[in-house]
Amino acid sequence: MTKDKALEELFLAQQPHFDDQADFMATLTRRLDAVEYVRQHQEATLRRYKLAMVAAFVVGLISGAVTLAFVLSEPADVPLFTFHGQSVLLLWLAQNSRLLSATVLALLLSLGTMSIIRNVHDILRMRRAISSEYTFL
């Protein structure tokens, strides 16, 4: 409570004195122009983020559809890839290649979806921060 009183007294005791109105207005105009430039730059950055998100979504959708079409177009009893070795691990990979590729594809699609949701959330948070920043000006 005492700190607040001391701080309030400090602000009340401060009496700004402006000698030249033209210099003050020029400085104020320069600062307002700088703020406007930063605001426009942040809006342009948000626009670029949105376009990048749309482009990533479209590329992911197309690549996922192509991969899914490739996996589904192959016969079910033929492995997607084969190894010409005698290793048990390689034989197991060849036999389960369809299941493994579908699992990896599902994991990648889940990761992409989570990434898109996180990026949209970050963009919305940035927009709220920018709008709240300009309400005080």
N, C-alpha and C. Protein backbone atom coordinates (compact mmCIF):
# COMPACT_ATOMS: atom_id res chain seq x y z
N MET A 1 0.82 -1.19 0.00
CA MET A 1 0.00 0.00 0.00
C MET A 1 0.87 1.26 0.00
N THR A 2 1.95 1.25 0.78
CA THR A 2 2.83 2.41 0.85
C THR A 2 3.55 2.61 -0.46
N LYS A 3 3.94 1.52 -1.07
CA LYS A 3 4.60 1.61 -2.37
C LYS A 3 3.68 2.26 -3.40
N ASP A 4 2.43 1.86 -3.40
CA ASP A 4 1.47 2.44 -4.34
C ASP A 4 1.29 3.93 -4.08
N LYS A 5 1.25 4.33 -2.82
CA LYS A 5 1.09 5.75 -2.47
C LYS A 5 2.31 6.54 -2.93
N ALA A 6 3.51 5.96 -2.71
CA ALA A 6 4.73 6.64 -3.11
C ALA A 6 4.80 6.77 -4.62
N LEU A 7 4.40 5.73 -5.31
CA LEU A 7 4.39 5.75 -6.77
C LEU A 7 3.37 6.77 -7.28
N GLU A 8 2.22 6.81 -6.65
CA GLU A 8 1.19 7.78 -7.05
C GLU A 8 1.67 9.20 -6.83
N GLU A 9 2.34 9.46 -5.69
CA GLU A 9 2.87 10.80 -5.41
C GLU A 9 3.95 11.18 -6.41
N LEU A 10 4.75 10.20 -6.80
CA LEU A 10 5.80 10.47 -7.79
C LEU A 10 5.19 10.89 -9.12
N PHE A 11 4.14 10.20 -9.54
CA PHE A 11 3.49 10.56 -10.81
C PHE A 11 2.74 11.89 -10.70
N LEU A 12 2.14 12.16 -9.57
CA LEU A 12 1.43 13.43 -9.41
C LEU A 12 2.39 14.61 -9.34
N ALA A 13 3.57 14.38 -8.78
CA ALA A 13 4.55 15.46 -8.67
C ALA A 13 5.18 15.79 -10.01
N GLN A 14 5.15 14.87 -10.91
CA GLN A 14 5.77 15.08 -12.22
C GLN A 14 4.87 15.98 -13.06
N GLN A 15 5.35 17.10 -13.43
CA GLN A 15 4.63 18.03 -14.28
C GLN A 15 5.43 18.21 -15.58
N PRO A 16 5.01 17.57 -16.66
CA PRO A 16 5.78 17.71 -17.90
C PRO A 16 5.67 19.13 -18.45
N HIS A 17 6.76 19.56 -19.00
CA HIS A 17 6.81 20.91 -19.55
C HIS A 17 7.24 20.79 -21.02
N PHE A 18 6.40 21.26 -21.90
CA PHE A 18 6.68 21.20 -23.33
C PHE A 18 7.08 22.59 -23.80
N ASP A 19 8.35 22.70 -24.24
CA ASP A 19 8.85 24.00 -24.67
C ASP A 19 8.38 24.34 -26.08
N ASP A 20 8.52 23.39 -26.98
CA ASP A 20 8.21 23.69 -28.37
C ASP A 20 7.14 22.70 -28.85
N GLN A 21 6.01 23.21 -29.17
CA GLN A 21 4.88 22.38 -29.61
C GLN A 21 5.20 21.67 -30.93
N ALA A 22 5.91 22.33 -31.82
CA ALA A 22 6.24 21.74 -33.13
C ALA A 22 7.17 20.54 -32.96
N ASP A 23 8.18 20.64 -32.09
CA ASP A 23 9.08 19.51 -31.86
C ASP A 23 8.33 18.34 -31.24
N PHE A 24 7.44 18.62 -30.32
CA PHE A 24 6.66 17.57 -29.69
C PHE A 24 5.78 16.86 -30.72
N MET A 25 5.12 17.62 -31.56
CA MET A 25 4.24 17.04 -32.57
C MET A 25 5.05 16.24 -33.60
N ALA A 26 6.22 16.72 -33.96
CA ALA A 26 7.06 15.99 -34.91
C ALA A 26 7.51 14.66 -34.31
N THR A 27 7.90 14.68 -33.04
CA THR A 27 8.31 13.45 -32.36
C THR A 27 7.14 12.49 -32.24
N LEU A 28 5.98 13.03 -31.87
CA LEU A 28 4.79 12.20 -31.74
C LEU A 28 4.40 11.58 -33.08
N THR A 29 4.46 12.37 -34.13
CA THR A 29 4.12 11.87 -35.46
C THR A 29 5.10 10.77 -35.89
N ARG A 30 6.39 10.98 -35.61
CA ARG A 30 7.39 9.97 -35.95
C ARG A 30 7.13 8.67 -35.20
N ARG A 31 6.79 8.77 -33.93
CA ARG A 31 6.52 7.57 -33.14
C ARG A 31 5.25 6.87 -33.61
N LEU A 32 4.23 7.64 -33.92
CA LEU A 32 3.00 7.03 -34.43
C LEU A 32 3.22 6.37 -35.79
N ASP A 33 4.05 6.97 -36.62
CA ASP A 33 4.39 6.34 -37.90
C ASP A 33 5.14 5.02 -37.69
N ALA A 34 6.03 5.01 -36.69
CA ALA A 34 6.77 3.78 -36.39
C ALA A 34 5.82 2.70 -35.89
N VAL A 35 4.87 3.07 -35.07
CA VAL A 35 3.89 2.10 -34.57
C VAL A 35 3.04 1.57 -35.72
N GLU A 36 2.63 2.45 -36.62
CA GLU A 36 1.83 2.03 -37.77
C GLU A 36 2.63 1.09 -38.68
N TYR A 37 3.93 1.38 -38.85
CA TYR A 37 4.78 0.50 -39.66
C TYR A 37 4.88 -0.88 -39.03
N VAL A 38 5.07 -0.94 -37.72
CA VAL A 38 5.16 -2.23 -37.03
C VAL A 38 3.84 -2.98 -37.14
N ARG A 39 2.72 -2.28 -37.00
CA ARG A 39 1.41 -2.92 -37.12
C ARG A 39 1.21 -3.52 -38.51
N GLN A 40 1.56 -2.75 -39.54
CA GLN A 40 1.43 -3.25 -40.90
C GLN A 40 2.35 -4.43 -41.15
N HIS A 41 3.55 -4.37 -40.59
CA HIS A 41 4.50 -5.49 -40.75
C HIS A 41 3.95 -6.74 -40.06
N GLN A 42 3.38 -6.61 -38.88
CA GLN A 42 2.83 -7.77 -38.18
C GLN A 42 1.61 -8.34 -38.91
N GLU A 43 0.78 -7.48 -39.47
CA GLU A 43 -0.36 -7.96 -40.25
C GLU A 43 0.11 -8.71 -41.50
N ALA A 44 1.14 -8.18 -42.16
CA ALA A 44 1.68 -8.86 -43.33
C ALA A 44 2.29 -10.21 -42.94
N THR A 45 2.95 -10.26 -41.80
CA THR A 45 3.51 -11.53 -41.31
C THR A 45 2.41 -12.53 -41.04
N LEU A 46 1.32 -12.11 -40.42
CA LEU A 46 0.20 -13.00 -40.17
C LEU A 46 -0.41 -13.50 -41.48
N ARG A 47 -0.52 -12.62 -42.48
CA ARG A 47 -1.03 -13.03 -43.79
C ARG A 47 -0.13 -14.10 -44.40
N ARG A 48 1.19 -13.89 -44.31
CA ARG A 48 2.12 -14.89 -44.84
C ARG A 48 1.99 -16.22 -44.09
N TYR A 49 1.81 -16.16 -42.77
CA TYR A 49 1.62 -17.38 -41.99
C TYR A 49 0.37 -18.11 -42.44
N LYS A 50 -0.69 -17.37 -42.67
CA LYS A 50 -1.94 -18.00 -43.11
C LYS A 50 -1.77 -18.66 -44.46
N LEU A 51 -1.13 -17.97 -45.39
CA LEU A 51 -0.90 -18.54 -46.72
C LEU A 51 0.00 -19.77 -46.64
N ALA A 52 1.01 -19.73 -45.77
CA ALA A 52 1.88 -20.89 -45.61
C ALA A 52 1.10 -22.06 -45.02
N MET A 53 0.20 -21.79 -44.10
CA MET A 53 -0.62 -22.85 -43.50
C MET A 53 -1.54 -23.47 -44.55
N VAL A 54 -2.14 -22.65 -45.38
CA VAL A 54 -3.02 -23.18 -46.43
C VAL A 54 -2.21 -24.01 -47.42
N ALA A 55 -1.03 -23.50 -47.79
CA ALA A 55 -0.18 -24.24 -48.73
C ALA A 55 0.26 -25.58 -48.12
N ALA A 56 0.64 -25.58 -46.85
CA ALA A 56 1.05 -26.82 -46.19
C ALA A 56 -0.12 -27.79 -46.09
N PHE A 57 -1.29 -27.28 -45.84
CA PHE A 57 -2.48 -28.14 -45.76
C PHE A 57 -2.77 -28.78 -47.11
N VAL A 58 -2.72 -27.99 -48.18
CA VAL A 58 -3.00 -28.51 -49.51
C VAL A 58 -1.94 -29.54 -49.93
N VAL A 59 -0.67 -29.24 -49.69
CA VAL A 59 0.40 -30.17 -50.03
C VAL A 59 0.26 -31.46 -49.22
N GLY A 60 -0.05 -31.35 -47.94
CA GLY A 60 -0.26 -32.53 -47.11
C GLY A 60 -1.44 -33.36 -47.56
N LEU A 61 -2.51 -32.67 -47.93
CA LEU A 61 -3.70 -33.37 -48.40
C LEU A 61 -3.41 -34.13 -49.70
N ILE A 62 -2.72 -33.48 -50.62
CA ILE A 62 -2.40 -34.12 -51.89
C ILE A 62 -1.43 -35.28 -51.69
N SER A 63 -0.38 -35.06 -50.91
CA SER A 63 0.59 -36.14 -50.71
C SER A 63 -0.02 -37.30 -49.93
N GLY A 64 -0.88 -37.01 -48.97
CA GLY A 64 -1.57 -38.08 -48.25
C GLY A 64 -2.49 -38.87 -49.16
N ALA A 65 -3.19 -38.17 -50.04
CA ALA A 65 -4.10 -38.87 -50.97
C ALA A 65 -3.31 -39.73 -51.95
N VAL A 66 -2.19 -39.21 -52.45
CA VAL A 66 -1.37 -40.00 -53.38
C VAL A 66 -0.80 -41.23 -52.67
N THR A 67 -0.29 -41.04 -51.47
CA THR A 67 0.27 -42.18 -50.72
C THR A 67 -0.80 -43.21 -50.40
N LEU A 68 -1.96 -42.74 -49.97
CA LEU A 68 -3.05 -43.65 -49.66
C LEU A 68 -3.52 -44.38 -50.92
N ALA A 69 -3.60 -43.68 -52.02
CA ALA A 69 -4.00 -44.33 -53.28
C ALA A 69 -2.98 -45.38 -53.69
N PHE A 70 -1.69 -45.08 -53.50
CA PHE A 70 -0.66 -46.06 -53.84
C PHE A 70 -0.75 -47.29 -52.95
N VAL A 71 -0.93 -47.08 -51.66
CA VAL A 71 -1.01 -48.21 -50.73
C VAL A 71 -2.24 -49.06 -51.04
N LEU A 72 -3.35 -48.44 -51.33
CA LEU A 72 -4.58 -49.19 -51.58
C LEU A 72 -4.64 -49.82 -52.98
N SER A 73 -3.85 -49.29 -53.92
CA SER A 73 -3.91 -49.83 -55.28
C SER A 73 -3.12 -51.13 -55.44
N GLU A 74 -2.20 -51.38 -54.55
CA GLU A 74 -1.42 -52.61 -54.62
C GLU A 74 -2.26 -53.78 -54.11
N PRO A 75 -2.03 -54.97 -54.64
CA PRO A 75 -2.74 -56.15 -54.13
C PRO A 75 -2.42 -56.40 -52.65
N ALA A 76 -3.40 -56.91 -51.92
CA ALA A 76 -3.26 -57.09 -50.48
C ALA A 76 -2.24 -58.15 -50.12
N ASP A 77 -2.07 -59.16 -50.94
CA ASP A 77 -1.16 -60.25 -50.59
C ASP A 77 0.28 -60.01 -51.04
N VAL A 78 0.53 -58.95 -51.80
CA VAL A 78 1.88 -58.63 -52.28
C VAL A 78 2.47 -57.57 -51.35
N PRO A 79 3.66 -57.81 -50.81
CA PRO A 79 4.27 -56.80 -49.93
C PRO A 79 4.66 -55.55 -50.73
N LEU A 80 4.68 -54.41 -50.06
CA LEU A 80 5.03 -53.15 -50.74
C LEU A 80 6.50 -53.12 -51.14
N PHE A 81 7.36 -53.73 -50.33
CA PHE A 81 8.77 -53.81 -50.67
C PHE A 81 9.31 -55.15 -50.21
N THR A 82 10.34 -55.61 -50.88
CA THR A 82 10.95 -56.90 -50.54
C THR A 82 12.44 -56.73 -50.42
N PHE A 83 13.04 -57.63 -49.66
CA PHE A 83 14.49 -57.64 -49.48
C PHE A 83 15.00 -58.97 -50.01
N HIS A 84 16.16 -58.96 -50.58
CA HIS A 84 16.74 -60.19 -51.11
C HIS A 84 17.77 -60.75 -50.13
N GLY A 85 17.49 -60.63 -48.88
CA GLY A 85 18.39 -61.16 -47.87
C GLY A 85 17.74 -62.29 -47.12
N GLN A 86 18.51 -62.93 -46.26
CA GLN A 86 18.00 -64.06 -45.51
C GLN A 86 17.78 -63.70 -44.03
N SER A 87 17.85 -62.45 -43.69
CA SER A 87 17.68 -62.03 -42.31
C SER A 87 16.23 -62.18 -41.88
N VAL A 88 16.04 -62.59 -40.65
CA VAL A 88 14.69 -62.75 -40.10
C VAL A 88 14.00 -61.39 -39.98
N LEU A 89 14.76 -60.40 -39.58
CA LEU A 89 14.20 -59.05 -39.44
C LEU A 89 13.74 -58.50 -40.80
N LEU A 90 14.55 -58.69 -41.82
CA LEU A 90 14.17 -58.21 -43.15
C LEU A 90 12.97 -58.97 -43.70
N LEU A 91 12.90 -60.26 -43.43
CA LEU A 91 11.75 -61.05 -43.85
C LEU A 91 10.48 -60.59 -43.15
N TRP A 92 10.59 -60.31 -41.86
CA TRP A 92 9.44 -59.80 -41.09
C TRP A 92 8.99 -58.44 -41.63
N LEU A 93 9.96 -57.55 -41.93
CA LEU A 93 9.63 -56.23 -42.49
C LEU A 93 8.91 -56.38 -43.83
N ALA A 94 9.37 -57.29 -44.67
CA ALA A 94 8.74 -57.49 -45.98
C ALA A 94 7.33 -58.03 -45.83
N GLN A 95 7.13 -58.94 -44.89
CA GLN A 95 5.80 -59.52 -44.71
C GLN A 95 4.81 -58.52 -44.13
N ASN A 96 5.29 -57.64 -43.29
CA ASN A 96 4.40 -56.67 -42.64
C ASN A 96 4.54 -55.27 -43.22
N SER A 97 5.03 -55.16 -44.44
CA SER A 97 5.28 -53.84 -45.03
C SER A 97 3.99 -53.04 -45.20
N ARG A 98 2.91 -53.68 -45.56
CA ARG A 98 1.65 -52.97 -45.76
C ARG A 98 1.14 -52.38 -44.44
N LEU A 99 1.17 -53.17 -43.37
CA LEU A 99 0.73 -52.71 -42.07
C LEU A 99 1.64 -51.61 -41.53
N LEU A 100 2.94 -51.79 -41.71
CA LEU A 100 3.89 -50.78 -41.24
C LEU A 100 3.74 -49.46 -42.00
N SER A 101 3.56 -49.54 -43.30
CA SER A 101 3.41 -48.30 -44.07
C SER A 101 2.10 -47.60 -43.72
N ALA A 102 1.03 -48.35 -43.48
CA ALA A 102 -0.23 -47.73 -43.07
C ALA A 102 -0.09 -47.09 -41.70
N THR A 103 0.64 -47.73 -40.79
CA THR A 103 0.86 -47.15 -39.46
C THR A 103 1.68 -45.88 -39.54
N VAL A 104 2.75 -45.90 -40.32
CA VAL A 104 3.59 -44.71 -40.48
C VAL A 104 2.79 -43.58 -41.13
N LEU A 105 1.98 -43.91 -42.12
CA LEU A 105 1.14 -42.90 -42.77
C LEU A 105 0.15 -42.29 -41.78
N ALA A 106 -0.46 -43.13 -40.95
CA ALA A 106 -1.40 -42.62 -39.95
C ALA A 106 -0.70 -41.73 -38.93
N LEU A 107 0.49 -42.12 -38.51
CA LEU A 107 1.26 -41.29 -37.57
C LEU A 107 1.64 -39.95 -38.18
N LEU A 108 2.06 -39.97 -39.44
CA LEU A 108 2.42 -38.71 -40.11
C LEU A 108 1.21 -37.80 -40.29
N LEU A 109 0.06 -38.37 -40.63
CA LEU A 109 -1.15 -37.56 -40.77
C LEU A 109 -1.58 -36.99 -39.42
N SER A 110 -1.44 -37.78 -38.35
CA SER A 110 -1.77 -37.27 -37.02
C SER A 110 -0.83 -36.15 -36.61
N LEU A 111 0.46 -36.33 -36.88
CA LEU A 111 1.43 -35.29 -36.57
C LEU A 111 1.15 -34.02 -37.37
N GLY A 112 0.82 -34.16 -38.64
CA GLY A 112 0.49 -33.00 -39.46
C GLY A 112 -0.75 -32.29 -38.97
N THR A 113 -1.76 -33.05 -38.57
CA THR A 113 -2.98 -32.43 -38.04
C THR A 113 -2.70 -31.66 -36.76
N MET A 114 -1.93 -32.27 -35.87
CA MET A 114 -1.59 -31.57 -34.62
C MET A 114 -0.76 -30.33 -34.89
N SER A 115 0.13 -30.41 -35.85
CA SER A 115 0.95 -29.25 -36.19
C SER A 115 0.09 -28.12 -36.76
N ILE A 116 -0.86 -28.45 -37.60
CA ILE A 116 -1.74 -27.43 -38.15
C ILE A 116 -2.57 -26.79 -37.05
N ILE A 117 -3.11 -27.59 -36.16
CA ILE A 117 -3.91 -27.04 -35.06
C ILE A 117 -3.06 -26.14 -34.18
N ARG A 118 -1.82 -26.56 -33.87
CA ARG A 118 -0.94 -25.74 -33.05
C ARG A 118 -0.60 -24.42 -33.74
N ASN A 119 -0.34 -24.46 -35.04
CA ASN A 119 -0.01 -23.24 -35.77
C ASN A 119 -1.19 -22.29 -35.84
N VAL A 120 -2.39 -22.83 -36.05
CA VAL A 120 -3.58 -21.97 -36.07
C VAL A 120 -3.78 -21.34 -34.69
N HIS A 121 -3.56 -22.11 -33.64
CA HIS A 121 -3.68 -21.58 -32.29
C HIS A 121 -2.66 -20.46 -32.06
N ASP A 122 -1.41 -20.65 -32.52
CA ASP A 122 -0.39 -19.61 -32.39
C ASP A 122 -0.76 -18.35 -33.16
N ILE A 123 -1.31 -18.51 -34.35
CA ILE A 123 -1.71 -17.35 -35.14
C ILE A 123 -2.83 -16.60 -34.44
N LEU A 124 -3.81 -17.31 -33.90
CA LEU A 124 -4.89 -16.65 -33.18
C LEU A 124 -4.37 -15.94 -31.93
N ARG A 125 -3.42 -16.57 -31.23
CA ARG A 125 -2.83 -15.94 -30.05
C ARG A 125 -2.08 -14.67 -30.44
N MET A 126 -1.34 -14.72 -31.55
CA MET A 126 -0.61 -13.54 -32.02
C MET A 126 -1.59 -12.42 -32.40
N ARG A 127 -2.69 -12.78 -33.04
CA ARG A 127 -3.68 -11.79 -33.43
C ARG A 127 -4.30 -11.12 -32.20
N ARG A 128 -4.60 -11.93 -31.17
CA ARG A 128 -5.15 -11.35 -29.94
C ARG A 128 -4.14 -10.44 -29.26
N ALA A 129 -2.86 -10.83 -29.27
CA ALA A 129 -1.82 -10.01 -28.66
C ALA A 129 -1.68 -8.69 -29.40
N ILE A 130 -1.75 -8.75 -30.72
CA ILE A 130 -1.62 -7.53 -31.51
C ILE A 130 -2.82 -6.63 -31.28
N SER A 131 -4.02 -7.19 -31.27
CA SER A 131 -5.20 -6.35 -31.08
C SER A 131 -5.25 -5.77 -29.68
N SER A 132 -4.80 -6.51 -28.67
CA SER A 132 -4.80 -5.97 -27.31
C SER A 132 -3.71 -4.92 -27.16
N GLU A 133 -2.62 -5.05 -27.92
CA GLU A 133 -1.55 -4.08 -27.87
C GLU A 133 -2.00 -2.73 -28.43
N TYR A 134 -2.84 -2.75 -29.45
CA TYR A 134 -3.26 -1.52 -30.08
C TYR A 134 -4.47 -0.89 -29.41
N THR A 135 -5.11 -1.58 -28.49
CA THR A 135 -6.22 -0.96 -27.79
C THR A 135 -5.72 0.05 -26.76
N PHE A 136 -4.44 -0.06 -26.34
CA PHE A 136 -3.90 0.86 -25.36
C PHE A 136 -3.37 2.13 -26.01
N LEU A 137 -3.24 2.17 -27.31
CA LEU A 137 -2.67 3.37 -27.97
C LEU A 137 -3.67 4.41 -28.18
